[in-house]
Amino acid sequence: MDCGLYIITDEVLAPGCSHIQIAKESLSGGAKIVQLRDKRRSGAELFAIANVIRSLCTENSAKFIVNDRLDIALATCADGVHLGQDDLPLSAARALAPRPFIIGVSVGTVEEAVIAEKGGADYLGVGPVYPTGTKADAGPAVGTALVSSIREKTTVPIVAIGGINLSNAKDVLAAGADSIAVISAVICSPDIAAASRKFVRLINPQD
């Protein structure tokens, strides 16, 4: 998996800005992974939105991930799905979607990370690294120390998430994260593409 900038769409945090618009602008800024996250819309609505974003990602050589909804991911030929600890079990998802379909799993402890890797996760979403208000059930911040601890015990890519911005992103990457997932620091910006480019330069300074 190409571990570039990982953008998560959220229409609630960016009023007046659709999932599709967020995806289009962040891809223009160099994002390599876009995750569609929406817990309010119907399956039919998500299916329509996901189809458009999948096409945008394909045009930009980026990966498209759907949060929680394996059915939507499979129906729209997305590259993968992201699962939380309380979502469909990883084993069940992998049985329905063998590789190269990507399955990412949210983890908040070293133990969860090790179990997820052994279970077939393709990447680990570690966090929240810093305090964040973008996800009500995110839990307490785990800090960069947990990123380092998980890096020591696992080999799959780590995507750090939670409260990451331009001032602390380098610390997260130095701790062992392969990529950073960004929400408000990009999608709440008046220029999503420009904000994305700044993070891309931090993650891949050689590009």
N, C-alpha and C. Protein backbone atom coordinates (compact mmCIF):
# COMPACT_ATOMS: atom_id res chain seq x y z
N MET A 1 0.85 -1.20 0.00
CA MET A 1 0.00 0.00 0.00
C MET A 1 0.87 1.24 0.00
N ASP A 2 0.61 2.15 -0.93
CA ASP A 2 1.35 3.40 -1.02
C ASP A 2 0.95 4.29 0.16
N CYS A 3 1.89 4.51 1.06
CA CYS A 3 1.56 5.25 2.29
C CYS A 3 1.80 6.74 2.14
N GLY A 4 1.00 7.39 1.36
CA GLY A 4 1.05 8.83 1.26
C GLY A 4 0.03 9.45 2.19
N LEU A 5 -0.36 10.68 1.90
CA LEU A 5 -1.34 11.36 2.73
C LEU A 5 -2.69 10.65 2.65
N TYR A 6 -3.28 10.41 3.82
CA TYR A 6 -4.53 9.67 3.96
C TYR A 6 -5.60 10.66 4.43
N ILE A 7 -6.56 10.94 3.56
CA ILE A 7 -7.62 11.91 3.88
C ILE A 7 -8.92 11.19 4.21
N ILE A 8 -9.58 11.62 5.26
CA ILE A 8 -10.88 11.08 5.64
C ILE A 8 -11.93 12.16 5.42
N THR A 9 -12.94 11.85 4.64
CA THR A 9 -13.97 12.84 4.34
C THR A 9 -14.99 12.93 5.48
N ASP A 10 -15.52 14.13 5.68
CA ASP A 10 -16.51 14.34 6.74
C ASP A 10 -17.29 15.60 6.41
N GLU A 11 -18.53 15.44 6.01
CA GLU A 11 -19.35 16.58 5.63
C GLU A 11 -19.81 17.40 6.83
N VAL A 12 -19.86 16.79 8.01
CA VAL A 12 -20.28 17.50 9.21
C VAL A 12 -19.23 18.53 9.61
N LEU A 13 -17.97 18.15 9.52
CA LEU A 13 -16.88 19.06 9.90
C LEU A 13 -16.65 20.15 8.86
N ALA A 14 -17.07 19.87 7.64
CA ALA A 14 -16.87 20.84 6.56
C ALA A 14 -18.21 21.20 5.94
N PRO A 15 -19.04 21.95 6.66
CA PRO A 15 -20.38 22.29 6.15
C PRO A 15 -20.31 22.94 4.77
N GLY A 16 -21.19 22.47 3.89
CA GLY A 16 -21.21 23.03 2.55
C GLY A 16 -20.21 22.41 1.61
N CYS A 17 -19.42 21.48 2.13
CA CYS A 17 -18.40 20.82 1.31
C CYS A 17 -18.73 19.32 1.28
N SER A 18 -19.03 18.80 0.13
CA SER A 18 -19.46 17.41 0.01
C SER A 18 -18.28 16.44 0.10
N HIS A 19 -18.61 15.17 0.32
CA HIS A 19 -17.58 14.13 0.31
C HIS A 19 -16.82 14.15 -1.01
N ILE A 20 -17.57 14.31 -2.08
CA ILE A 20 -16.95 14.30 -3.41
C ILE A 20 -16.01 15.48 -3.60
N GLN A 21 -16.45 16.65 -3.15
CA GLN A 21 -15.61 17.84 -3.28
C GLN A 21 -14.34 17.70 -2.44
N ILE A 22 -14.48 17.18 -1.22
CA ILE A 22 -13.31 16.97 -0.36
C ILE A 22 -12.33 16.01 -1.04
N ALA A 23 -12.87 14.93 -1.58
CA ALA A 23 -12.01 13.94 -2.25
C ALA A 23 -11.31 14.57 -3.46
N LYS A 24 -12.06 15.27 -4.28
CA LYS A 24 -11.50 15.86 -5.50
C LYS A 24 -10.38 16.84 -5.18
N GLU A 25 -10.60 17.71 -4.21
CA GLU A 25 -9.60 18.73 -3.88
C GLU A 25 -8.38 18.14 -3.18
N SER A 26 -8.60 17.17 -2.30
CA SER A 26 -7.47 16.56 -1.61
C SER A 26 -6.61 15.74 -2.57
N LEU A 27 -7.25 15.08 -3.53
CA LEU A 27 -6.51 14.34 -4.55
C LEU A 27 -5.71 15.30 -5.43
N SER A 28 -6.29 16.44 -5.71
CA SER A 28 -5.57 17.47 -6.48
C SER A 28 -4.32 17.92 -5.73
N GLY A 29 -4.41 17.88 -4.40
CA GLY A 29 -3.27 18.28 -3.58
C GLY A 29 -2.26 17.18 -3.33
N GLY A 30 -2.53 15.99 -3.87
CA GLY A 30 -1.55 14.91 -3.77
C GLY A 30 -1.87 13.80 -2.80
N ALA A 31 -3.08 13.78 -2.24
CA ALA A 31 -3.45 12.69 -1.33
C ALA A 31 -3.38 11.36 -2.07
N LYS A 32 -2.91 10.32 -1.37
CA LYS A 32 -2.77 9.00 -1.98
C LYS A 32 -3.85 8.02 -1.53
N ILE A 33 -4.55 8.36 -0.46
CA ILE A 33 -5.62 7.50 0.05
C ILE A 33 -6.78 8.39 0.48
N VAL A 34 -7.98 8.03 0.09
CA VAL A 34 -9.17 8.75 0.53
C VAL A 34 -10.12 7.76 1.16
N GLN A 35 -10.56 8.07 2.36
CA GLN A 35 -11.53 7.23 3.05
C GLN A 35 -12.86 7.98 3.13
N LEU A 36 -13.91 7.31 2.67
CA LEU A 36 -15.26 7.86 2.78
C LEU A 36 -15.82 7.45 4.13
N ARG A 37 -16.10 8.43 4.97
CA ARG A 37 -16.66 8.14 6.29
C ARG A 37 -17.93 8.95 6.49
N ASP A 38 -19.04 8.23 6.65
CA ASP A 38 -20.34 8.87 6.86
C ASP A 38 -21.26 7.87 7.54
N LYS A 39 -21.68 8.17 8.75
CA LYS A 39 -22.54 7.26 9.50
C LYS A 39 -24.01 7.67 9.47
N ARG A 40 -24.32 8.69 8.67
CA ARG A 40 -25.69 9.20 8.64
C ARG A 40 -26.45 8.84 7.37
N ARG A 41 -25.77 8.77 6.27
CA ARG A 41 -26.44 8.57 4.98
C ARG A 41 -26.90 7.13 4.79
N SER A 42 -27.89 6.97 3.94
CA SER A 42 -28.41 5.64 3.62
C SER A 42 -27.42 4.87 2.76
N GLY A 43 -27.64 3.57 2.66
CA GLY A 43 -26.79 2.75 1.82
C GLY A 43 -26.83 3.19 0.36
N ALA A 44 -28.02 3.56 -0.10
CA ALA A 44 -28.16 4.00 -1.48
C ALA A 44 -27.37 5.28 -1.74
N GLU A 45 -27.43 6.21 -0.80
CA GLU A 45 -26.69 7.46 -0.95
C GLU A 45 -25.18 7.20 -0.93
N LEU A 46 -24.74 6.37 0.01
CA LEU A 46 -23.31 6.06 0.10
C LEU A 46 -22.82 5.36 -1.15
N PHE A 47 -23.64 4.49 -1.70
CA PHE A 47 -23.26 3.77 -2.91
C PHE A 47 -23.00 4.75 -4.05
N ALA A 48 -23.89 5.72 -4.21
CA ALA A 48 -23.74 6.70 -5.29
C ALA A 48 -22.50 7.57 -5.08
N ILE A 49 -22.30 8.01 -3.85
CA ILE A 49 -21.13 8.85 -3.54
C ILE A 49 -19.83 8.06 -3.72
N ALA A 50 -19.84 6.83 -3.23
CA ALA A 50 -18.64 5.99 -3.31
C ALA A 50 -18.24 5.71 -4.75
N ASN A 51 -19.21 5.53 -5.61
CA ASN A 51 -18.89 5.28 -7.03
C ASN A 51 -18.12 6.45 -7.64
N VAL A 52 -18.54 7.66 -7.29
CA VAL A 52 -17.87 8.84 -7.84
C VAL A 52 -16.47 8.97 -7.28
N ILE A 53 -16.33 8.79 -5.97
CA ILE A 53 -15.01 8.93 -5.35
C ILE A 53 -14.06 7.83 -5.83
N ARG A 54 -14.60 6.63 -6.03
CA ARG A 54 -13.75 5.56 -6.56
C ARG A 54 -13.18 5.93 -7.92
N SER A 55 -14.00 6.53 -8.76
CA SER A 55 -13.53 6.96 -10.08
C SER A 55 -12.47 8.05 -9.97
N LEU A 56 -12.69 9.00 -9.06
CA LEU A 56 -11.72 10.07 -8.85
C LEU A 56 -10.37 9.51 -8.38
N CYS A 57 -10.43 8.54 -7.48
CA CYS A 57 -9.20 7.94 -6.97
C CYS A 57 -8.47 7.18 -8.07
N THR A 58 -9.21 6.48 -8.89
CA THR A 58 -8.61 5.75 -10.00
C THR A 58 -7.91 6.70 -10.96
N GLU A 59 -8.55 7.82 -11.26
CA GLU A 59 -7.98 8.81 -12.17
C GLU A 59 -6.69 9.41 -11.61
N ASN A 60 -6.58 9.44 -10.27
CA ASN A 60 -5.42 10.06 -9.63
C ASN A 60 -4.44 9.04 -9.05
N SER A 61 -4.58 7.79 -9.44
CA SER A 61 -3.70 6.71 -8.96
C SER A 61 -3.64 6.67 -7.44
N ALA A 62 -4.80 6.84 -6.83
CA ALA A 62 -4.90 6.81 -5.37
C ALA A 62 -5.81 5.66 -4.94
N LYS A 63 -5.71 5.29 -3.66
CA LYS A 63 -6.53 4.21 -3.12
C LYS A 63 -7.81 4.78 -2.52
N PHE A 64 -8.89 4.01 -2.67
CA PHE A 64 -10.18 4.41 -2.11
C PHE A 64 -10.60 3.40 -1.05
N ILE A 65 -10.83 3.90 0.16
CA ILE A 65 -11.21 3.08 1.31
C ILE A 65 -12.57 3.55 1.82
N VAL A 66 -13.42 2.60 2.20
CA VAL A 66 -14.72 2.92 2.78
C VAL A 66 -14.68 2.59 4.26
N ASN A 67 -15.14 3.50 5.08
CA ASN A 67 -15.17 3.27 6.52
C ASN A 67 -16.35 2.38 6.90
N ASP A 68 -16.09 1.35 7.66
CA ASP A 68 -17.12 0.46 8.24
C ASP A 68 -17.85 -0.43 7.24
N ARG A 69 -18.32 0.13 6.15
CA ARG A 69 -19.28 -0.53 5.27
C ARG A 69 -18.60 -1.41 4.22
N LEU A 70 -18.36 -2.67 4.59
CA LEU A 70 -17.76 -3.60 3.64
C LEU A 70 -18.66 -3.80 2.43
N ASP A 71 -19.98 -3.78 2.65
CA ASP A 71 -20.90 -3.98 1.53
C ASP A 71 -20.75 -2.89 0.48
N ILE A 72 -20.63 -1.64 0.94
CA ILE A 72 -20.47 -0.52 0.01
C ILE A 72 -19.12 -0.62 -0.69
N ALA A 73 -18.10 -0.97 0.06
CA ALA A 73 -16.75 -1.09 -0.51
C ALA A 73 -16.72 -2.13 -1.63
N LEU A 74 -17.31 -3.29 -1.38
CA LEU A 74 -17.31 -4.35 -2.37
C LEU A 74 -18.19 -4.01 -3.56
N ALA A 75 -19.33 -3.40 -3.30
CA ALA A 75 -20.28 -3.08 -4.37
C ALA A 75 -19.74 -2.03 -5.33
N THR A 76 -18.85 -1.17 -4.84
CA THR A 76 -18.31 -0.10 -5.69
C THR A 76 -16.88 -0.37 -6.14
N CYS A 77 -16.41 -1.58 -5.88
CA CYS A 77 -15.04 -1.97 -6.27
C CYS A 77 -14.00 -1.04 -5.65
N ALA A 78 -14.24 -0.67 -4.40
CA ALA A 78 -13.26 0.14 -3.67
C ALA A 78 -12.00 -0.70 -3.44
N ASP A 79 -10.92 -0.03 -3.11
CA ASP A 79 -9.66 -0.75 -2.85
C ASP A 79 -9.68 -1.42 -1.49
N GLY A 80 -10.53 -0.93 -0.58
CA GLY A 80 -10.54 -1.56 0.73
C GLY A 80 -11.57 -0.98 1.67
N VAL A 81 -11.51 -1.46 2.90
CA VAL A 81 -12.42 -1.02 3.95
C VAL A 81 -11.61 -0.77 5.21
N HIS A 82 -12.10 0.14 6.05
CA HIS A 82 -11.45 0.37 7.34
C HIS A 82 -12.43 -0.02 8.45
N LEU A 83 -11.95 -0.86 9.37
CA LEU A 83 -12.80 -1.38 10.44
C LEU A 83 -12.34 -0.92 11.81
N GLY A 84 -13.32 -0.60 12.65
CA GLY A 84 -13.02 -0.28 14.04
C GLY A 84 -13.10 -1.54 14.87
N GLN A 85 -12.76 -1.44 16.15
CA GLN A 85 -12.78 -2.59 17.03
C GLN A 85 -14.17 -3.16 17.24
N ASP A 86 -15.20 -2.36 17.04
CA ASP A 86 -16.57 -2.82 17.24
C ASP A 86 -17.31 -3.09 15.93
N ASP A 87 -16.59 -3.05 14.83
CA ASP A 87 -17.22 -3.30 13.53
C ASP A 87 -17.19 -4.79 13.20
N LEU A 88 -17.52 -5.12 11.96
CA LEU A 88 -17.46 -6.50 11.50
C LEU A 88 -16.08 -7.08 11.82
N PRO A 89 -16.01 -8.27 12.41
CA PRO A 89 -14.70 -8.85 12.76
C PRO A 89 -13.80 -8.97 11.53
N LEU A 90 -12.53 -8.74 11.75
CA LEU A 90 -11.55 -8.80 10.67
C LEU A 90 -11.60 -10.15 9.95
N SER A 91 -11.71 -11.24 10.70
CA SER A 91 -11.73 -12.57 10.09
C SER A 91 -12.90 -12.74 9.13
N ALA A 92 -14.05 -12.20 9.51
CA ALA A 92 -15.23 -12.30 8.65
C ALA A 92 -15.06 -11.44 7.40
N ALA A 93 -14.49 -10.25 7.58
CA ALA A 93 -14.27 -9.37 6.44
C ALA A 93 -13.27 -9.98 5.46
N ARG A 94 -12.22 -10.57 5.99
CA ARG A 94 -11.20 -11.15 5.12
C ARG A 94 -11.74 -12.37 4.38
N ALA A 95 -12.63 -13.11 5.00
CA ALA A 95 -13.23 -14.26 4.33
C ALA A 95 -14.07 -13.82 3.13
N LEU A 96 -14.70 -12.66 3.26
CA LEU A 96 -15.53 -12.13 2.18
C LEU A 96 -14.71 -11.38 1.13
N ALA A 97 -13.57 -10.86 1.56
CA ALA A 97 -12.76 -10.03 0.67
C ALA A 97 -11.29 -10.40 0.76
N PRO A 98 -10.88 -11.44 0.05
CA PRO A 98 -9.47 -11.84 0.07
C PRO A 98 -8.58 -10.79 -0.57
N ARG A 99 -7.30 -10.83 -0.27
CA ARG A 99 -6.36 -9.91 -0.89
C ARG A 99 -6.41 -10.05 -2.41
N PRO A 100 -6.17 -8.97 -3.16
CA PRO A 100 -5.52 -7.74 -2.75
C PRO A 100 -6.41 -6.68 -2.11
N PHE A 101 -7.67 -6.99 -1.82
CA PHE A 101 -8.54 -6.05 -1.13
C PHE A 101 -7.89 -5.67 0.19
N ILE A 102 -7.85 -4.36 0.46
CA ILE A 102 -7.18 -3.83 1.65
C ILE A 102 -8.14 -3.76 2.83
N ILE A 103 -7.67 -4.23 3.98
CA ILE A 103 -8.45 -4.08 5.21
C ILE A 103 -7.56 -3.40 6.25
N GLY A 104 -7.99 -2.21 6.67
CA GLY A 104 -7.30 -1.50 7.74
C GLY A 104 -8.09 -1.64 9.02
N VAL A 105 -7.40 -1.64 10.14
CA VAL A 105 -8.06 -1.82 11.43
C VAL A 105 -7.59 -0.75 12.41
N SER A 106 -8.54 -0.14 13.13
CA SER A 106 -8.20 0.83 14.16
C SER A 106 -7.71 0.10 15.40
N VAL A 107 -6.60 0.55 15.95
CA VAL A 107 -6.06 -0.05 17.17
C VAL A 107 -5.64 1.05 18.14
N GLY A 108 -5.77 0.73 19.44
CA GLY A 108 -5.41 1.70 20.47
C GLY A 108 -4.44 1.15 21.49
N THR A 109 -3.99 -0.10 21.27
CA THR A 109 -3.01 -0.72 22.16
C THR A 109 -2.08 -1.60 21.33
N VAL A 110 -0.96 -1.95 21.91
CA VAL A 110 -0.02 -2.85 21.23
C VAL A 110 -0.68 -4.21 21.01
N GLU A 111 -1.42 -4.67 22.01
CA GLU A 111 -2.08 -5.97 21.90
C GLU A 111 -3.06 -5.99 20.73
N GLU A 112 -3.87 -4.96 20.59
CA GLU A 112 -4.82 -4.89 19.48
C GLU A 112 -4.08 -4.88 18.15
N ALA A 113 -2.94 -4.19 18.11
CA ALA A 113 -2.17 -4.11 16.88
C ALA A 113 -1.61 -5.47 16.48
N VAL A 114 -1.06 -6.18 17.42
CA VAL A 114 -0.49 -7.50 17.15
C VAL A 114 -1.58 -8.47 16.67
N ILE A 115 -2.73 -8.44 17.34
CA ILE A 115 -3.85 -9.30 16.97
C ILE A 115 -4.33 -8.97 15.56
N ALA A 116 -4.42 -7.68 15.25
CA ALA A 116 -4.89 -7.25 13.93
C ALA A 116 -3.93 -7.71 12.84
N GLU A 117 -2.65 -7.57 13.07
CA GLU A 117 -1.67 -8.00 12.06
C GLU A 117 -1.76 -9.52 11.84
N LYS A 118 -1.81 -10.25 12.93
CA LYS A 118 -1.91 -11.71 12.81
C LYS A 118 -3.20 -12.14 12.12
N GLY A 119 -4.24 -11.32 12.28
CA GLY A 119 -5.53 -11.64 11.69
C GLY A 119 -5.65 -11.28 10.22
N GLY A 120 -4.65 -10.59 9.70
CA GLY A 120 -4.67 -10.27 8.27
C GLY A 120 -4.88 -8.82 7.92
N ALA A 121 -4.75 -7.91 8.88
CA ALA A 121 -4.89 -6.48 8.57
C ALA A 121 -3.74 -6.04 7.66
N ASP A 122 -4.05 -5.18 6.70
CA ASP A 122 -3.04 -4.68 5.78
C ASP A 122 -2.38 -3.41 6.28
N TYR A 123 -3.07 -2.71 7.17
CA TYR A 123 -2.46 -1.55 7.83
C TYR A 123 -3.19 -1.33 9.15
N LEU A 124 -2.54 -0.58 10.03
CA LEU A 124 -3.10 -0.30 11.35
C LEU A 124 -3.36 1.19 11.49
N GLY A 125 -4.59 1.53 11.87
CA GLY A 125 -4.91 2.92 12.16
C GLY A 125 -4.69 3.16 13.64
N VAL A 126 -3.62 3.85 13.98
CA VAL A 126 -3.23 4.01 15.38
C VAL A 126 -3.62 5.40 15.89
N GLY A 127 -4.36 5.43 16.99
CA GLY A 127 -4.73 6.70 17.55
C GLY A 127 -5.91 6.61 18.51
N PRO A 128 -6.41 7.77 18.93
CA PRO A 128 -5.95 9.10 18.51
C PRO A 128 -4.60 9.45 19.14
N VAL A 129 -3.67 9.89 18.31
CA VAL A 129 -2.34 10.23 18.81
C VAL A 129 -2.42 11.45 19.72
N TYR A 130 -3.16 12.45 19.29
CA TYR A 130 -3.36 13.66 20.08
C TYR A 130 -4.86 13.86 20.32
N PRO A 131 -5.23 14.68 21.29
CA PRO A 131 -6.65 14.93 21.53
C PRO A 131 -7.35 15.42 20.27
N THR A 132 -8.54 14.92 20.02
CA THR A 132 -9.27 15.30 18.82
C THR A 132 -10.76 15.39 19.12
N GLY A 133 -11.42 16.29 18.43
CA GLY A 133 -12.85 16.44 18.59
C GLY A 133 -13.61 15.99 17.36
N THR A 134 -12.89 15.39 16.40
CA THR A 134 -13.54 15.02 15.14
C THR A 134 -14.27 13.68 15.22
N LYS A 135 -14.06 12.93 16.30
CA LYS A 135 -14.73 11.64 16.44
C LYS A 135 -15.11 11.46 17.90
N ALA A 136 -16.40 11.45 18.16
CA ALA A 136 -16.90 11.45 19.54
C ALA A 136 -16.42 10.27 20.36
N ASP A 137 -16.26 9.11 19.72
CA ASP A 137 -15.87 7.91 20.47
C ASP A 137 -14.41 7.54 20.27
N ALA A 138 -13.59 8.54 19.96
CA ALA A 138 -12.18 8.27 19.66
C ALA A 138 -11.39 7.78 20.86
N GLY A 139 -11.80 8.16 22.06
CA GLY A 139 -11.08 7.75 23.26
C GLY A 139 -9.95 8.72 23.58
N PRO A 140 -9.23 8.46 24.68
CA PRO A 140 -8.15 9.36 25.09
C PRO A 140 -6.96 9.28 24.15
N ALA A 141 -6.19 10.37 24.08
CA ALA A 141 -5.01 10.40 23.23
C ALA A 141 -3.97 9.39 23.72
N VAL A 142 -3.33 8.71 22.77
CA VAL A 142 -2.36 7.66 23.11
C VAL A 142 -0.92 8.14 23.01
N GLY A 143 -0.69 9.25 22.33
CA GLY A 143 0.66 9.80 22.22
C GLY A 143 1.53 9.08 21.21
N THR A 144 2.67 9.68 20.89
CA THR A 144 3.59 9.09 19.91
C THR A 144 4.30 7.87 20.47
N ALA A 145 4.34 7.73 21.78
CA ALA A 145 5.02 6.57 22.38
C ALA A 145 4.34 5.28 21.95
N LEU A 146 3.01 5.29 21.85
CA LEU A 146 2.32 4.07 21.43
C LEU A 146 2.63 3.77 19.96
N VAL A 147 2.75 4.79 19.14
CA VAL A 147 3.12 4.58 17.75
C VAL A 147 4.46 3.84 17.68
N SER A 148 5.41 4.29 18.48
CA SER A 148 6.73 3.66 18.50
C SER A 148 6.66 2.22 19.01
N SER A 149 5.85 1.99 20.04
CA SER A 149 5.72 0.64 20.61
C SER A 149 5.10 -0.32 19.61
N ILE A 150 4.09 0.16 18.90
CA ILE A 150 3.45 -0.68 17.89
C ILE A 150 4.39 -0.93 16.72
N ARG A 151 5.18 0.07 16.37
CA ARG A 151 6.16 -0.11 15.28
C ARG A 151 7.17 -1.22 15.62
N GLU A 152 7.54 -1.31 16.88
CA GLU A 152 8.50 -2.33 17.32
C GLU A 152 7.93 -3.73 17.24
N LYS A 153 6.61 -3.86 17.37
CA LYS A 153 5.99 -5.18 17.46
C LYS A 153 5.28 -5.64 16.18
N THR A 154 5.17 -4.76 15.19
CA THR A 154 4.45 -5.11 13.97
C THR A 154 5.25 -4.69 12.73
N THR A 155 4.84 -5.23 11.59
CA THR A 155 5.55 -4.93 10.34
C THR A 155 4.66 -4.25 9.29
N VAL A 156 3.34 -4.34 9.43
CA VAL A 156 2.46 -3.71 8.44
C VAL A 156 2.48 -2.20 8.61
N PRO A 157 2.09 -1.45 7.58
CA PRO A 157 2.10 0.01 7.67
C PRO A 157 1.24 0.54 8.82
N ILE A 158 1.72 1.60 9.42
CA ILE A 158 0.98 2.31 10.47
C ILE A 158 0.49 3.63 9.91
N VAL A 159 -0.82 3.85 10.02
CA VAL A 159 -1.42 5.13 9.65
C VAL A 159 -1.86 5.79 10.95
N ALA A 160 -1.14 6.81 11.36
CA ALA A 160 -1.47 7.50 12.61
C ALA A 160 -2.60 8.48 12.38
N ILE A 161 -3.45 8.64 13.39
CA ILE A 161 -4.62 9.50 13.25
C ILE A 161 -4.94 10.17 14.58
N GLY A 162 -5.57 11.33 14.50
CA GLY A 162 -6.05 11.99 15.71
C GLY A 162 -5.27 13.23 16.09
N GLY A 163 -5.83 14.40 15.83
CA GLY A 163 -5.22 15.65 16.25
C GLY A 163 -3.91 16.01 15.57
N ILE A 164 -3.66 15.39 14.42
CA ILE A 164 -2.39 15.64 13.73
C ILE A 164 -2.51 16.88 12.84
N ASN A 165 -1.52 17.75 12.98
CA ASN A 165 -1.49 18.97 12.18
C ASN A 165 -0.07 19.22 11.68
N LEU A 166 0.14 20.33 11.01
CA LEU A 166 1.45 20.61 10.42
C LEU A 166 2.54 20.78 11.47
N SER A 167 2.17 21.18 12.67
CA SER A 167 3.18 21.42 13.70
C SER A 167 3.64 20.15 14.42
N ASN A 168 2.83 19.10 14.39
CA ASN A 168 3.23 17.87 15.09
C ASN A 168 3.39 16.65 14.19
N ALA A 169 3.11 16.81 12.90
CA ALA A 169 3.16 15.68 11.97
C ALA A 169 4.54 15.04 11.91
N LYS A 170 5.60 15.85 11.94
CA LYS A 170 6.96 15.29 11.87
C LYS A 170 7.26 14.39 13.06
N ASP A 171 6.75 14.76 14.24
CA ASP A 171 6.97 13.95 15.43
C ASP A 171 6.30 12.58 15.29
N VAL A 172 5.13 12.58 14.68
CA VAL A 172 4.39 11.33 14.48
C VAL A 172 5.13 10.42 13.50
N LEU A 173 5.63 10.99 12.43
CA LEU A 173 6.37 10.22 11.45
C LEU A 173 7.68 9.70 12.04
N ALA A 174 8.33 10.53 12.85
CA ALA A 174 9.58 10.13 13.49
C ALA A 174 9.36 8.99 14.48
N ALA A 175 8.16 8.90 15.02
CA ALA A 175 7.85 7.86 16.00
C ALA A 175 7.65 6.50 15.33
N GLY A 176 7.52 6.51 14.00
CA GLY A 176 7.39 5.24 13.30
C GLY A 176 6.18 5.09 12.40
N ALA A 177 5.35 6.13 12.31
CA ALA A 177 4.19 6.05 11.43
C ALA A 177 4.64 6.11 9.97
N ASP A 178 3.99 5.31 9.14
CA ASP A 178 4.29 5.33 7.71
C ASP A 178 3.49 6.39 6.99
N SER A 179 2.37 6.76 7.58
CA SER A 179 1.50 7.75 6.98
C SER A 179 0.70 8.41 8.09
N ILE A 180 0.04 9.50 7.74
CA ILE A 180 -0.84 10.17 8.69
C ILE A 180 -2.21 10.37 8.04
N ALA A 181 -3.23 10.10 8.83
CA ALA A 181 -4.60 10.34 8.38
C ALA A 181 -5.02 11.69 8.93
N VAL A 182 -5.51 12.53 8.06
CA VAL A 182 -5.85 13.90 8.45
C VAL A 182 -7.32 14.17 8.11
N ILE A 183 -7.96 14.86 9.04
CA ILE A 183 -9.35 15.24 8.79
C ILE A 183 -9.43 16.77 8.85
N SER A 184 -9.64 17.32 10.04
CA SER A 184 -9.92 18.76 10.16
C SER A 184 -8.79 19.65 9.66
N ALA A 185 -7.53 19.23 9.83
CA ALA A 185 -6.41 20.07 9.42
C ALA A 185 -6.38 20.31 7.92
N VAL A 186 -7.10 19.48 7.19
CA VAL A 186 -7.19 19.66 5.73
C VAL A 186 -8.58 20.08 5.31
N ILE A 187 -9.60 19.30 5.70
CA ILE A 187 -10.93 19.55 5.14
C ILE A 187 -11.60 20.81 5.70
N CYS A 188 -11.10 21.31 6.82
CA CYS A 188 -11.64 22.56 7.37
C CYS A 188 -10.87 23.77 6.85
N SER A 189 -9.89 23.52 6.01
CA SER A 189 -9.10 24.60 5.44
C SER A 189 -9.87 25.27 4.31
N PRO A 190 -9.71 26.58 4.12
CA PRO A 190 -10.38 27.25 3.00
C PRO A 190 -9.87 26.78 1.65
N ASP A 191 -8.68 26.17 1.64
CA ASP A 191 -8.10 25.64 0.41
C ASP A 191 -7.61 24.22 0.69
N ILE A 192 -8.48 23.24 0.44
CA ILE A 192 -8.18 21.85 0.76
C ILE A 192 -6.98 21.33 -0.03
N ALA A 193 -6.89 21.69 -1.28
CA ALA A 193 -5.78 21.23 -2.12
C ALA A 193 -4.45 21.76 -1.59
N ALA A 194 -4.40 23.03 -1.23
CA ALA A 194 -3.17 23.63 -0.72
C ALA A 194 -2.78 23.00 0.61
N ALA A 195 -3.76 22.79 1.47
CA ALA A 195 -3.48 22.17 2.77
C ALA A 195 -2.96 20.75 2.58
N SER A 196 -3.51 20.03 1.62
CA SER A 196 -3.06 18.67 1.33
C SER A 196 -1.61 18.68 0.86
N ARG A 197 -1.27 19.61 0.00
CA ARG A 197 0.09 19.68 -0.52
C ARG A 197 1.12 19.89 0.59
N LYS A 198 0.77 20.67 1.60
CA LYS A 198 1.69 20.91 2.70
C LYS A 198 1.98 19.63 3.46
N PHE A 199 0.95 18.82 3.68
CA PHE A 199 1.16 17.55 4.37
C PHE A 199 1.92 16.56 3.50
N VAL A 200 1.64 16.57 2.21
CA VAL A 200 2.35 15.68 1.29
C VAL A 200 3.84 15.95 1.33
N ARG A 201 4.22 17.23 1.37
CA ARG A 201 5.65 17.57 1.42
C ARG A 201 6.30 17.10 2.72
N LEU A 202 5.53 17.05 3.80
CA LEU A 202 6.06 16.56 5.06
C LEU A 202 6.27 15.04 5.03
N ILE A 203 5.30 14.34 4.45
CA ILE A 203 5.36 12.89 4.41
C ILE A 203 6.38 12.39 3.40
N ASN A 204 6.39 13.02 2.22
CA ASN A 204 7.31 12.63 1.15
C ASN A 204 8.10 13.86 0.68
N PRO A 205 9.07 14.29 1.47
CA PRO A 205 9.81 15.51 1.12
C PRO A 205 10.56 15.43 -0.20
N GLN A 206 10.81 14.19 -0.68
CA GLN A 206 11.54 14.04 -1.93
C GLN A 206 10.66 14.27 -3.15
N ASP A 207 9.33 14.22 -2.96
CA ASP A 207 8.41 14.40 -4.09
C ASP A 207 8.33 15.86 -4.51
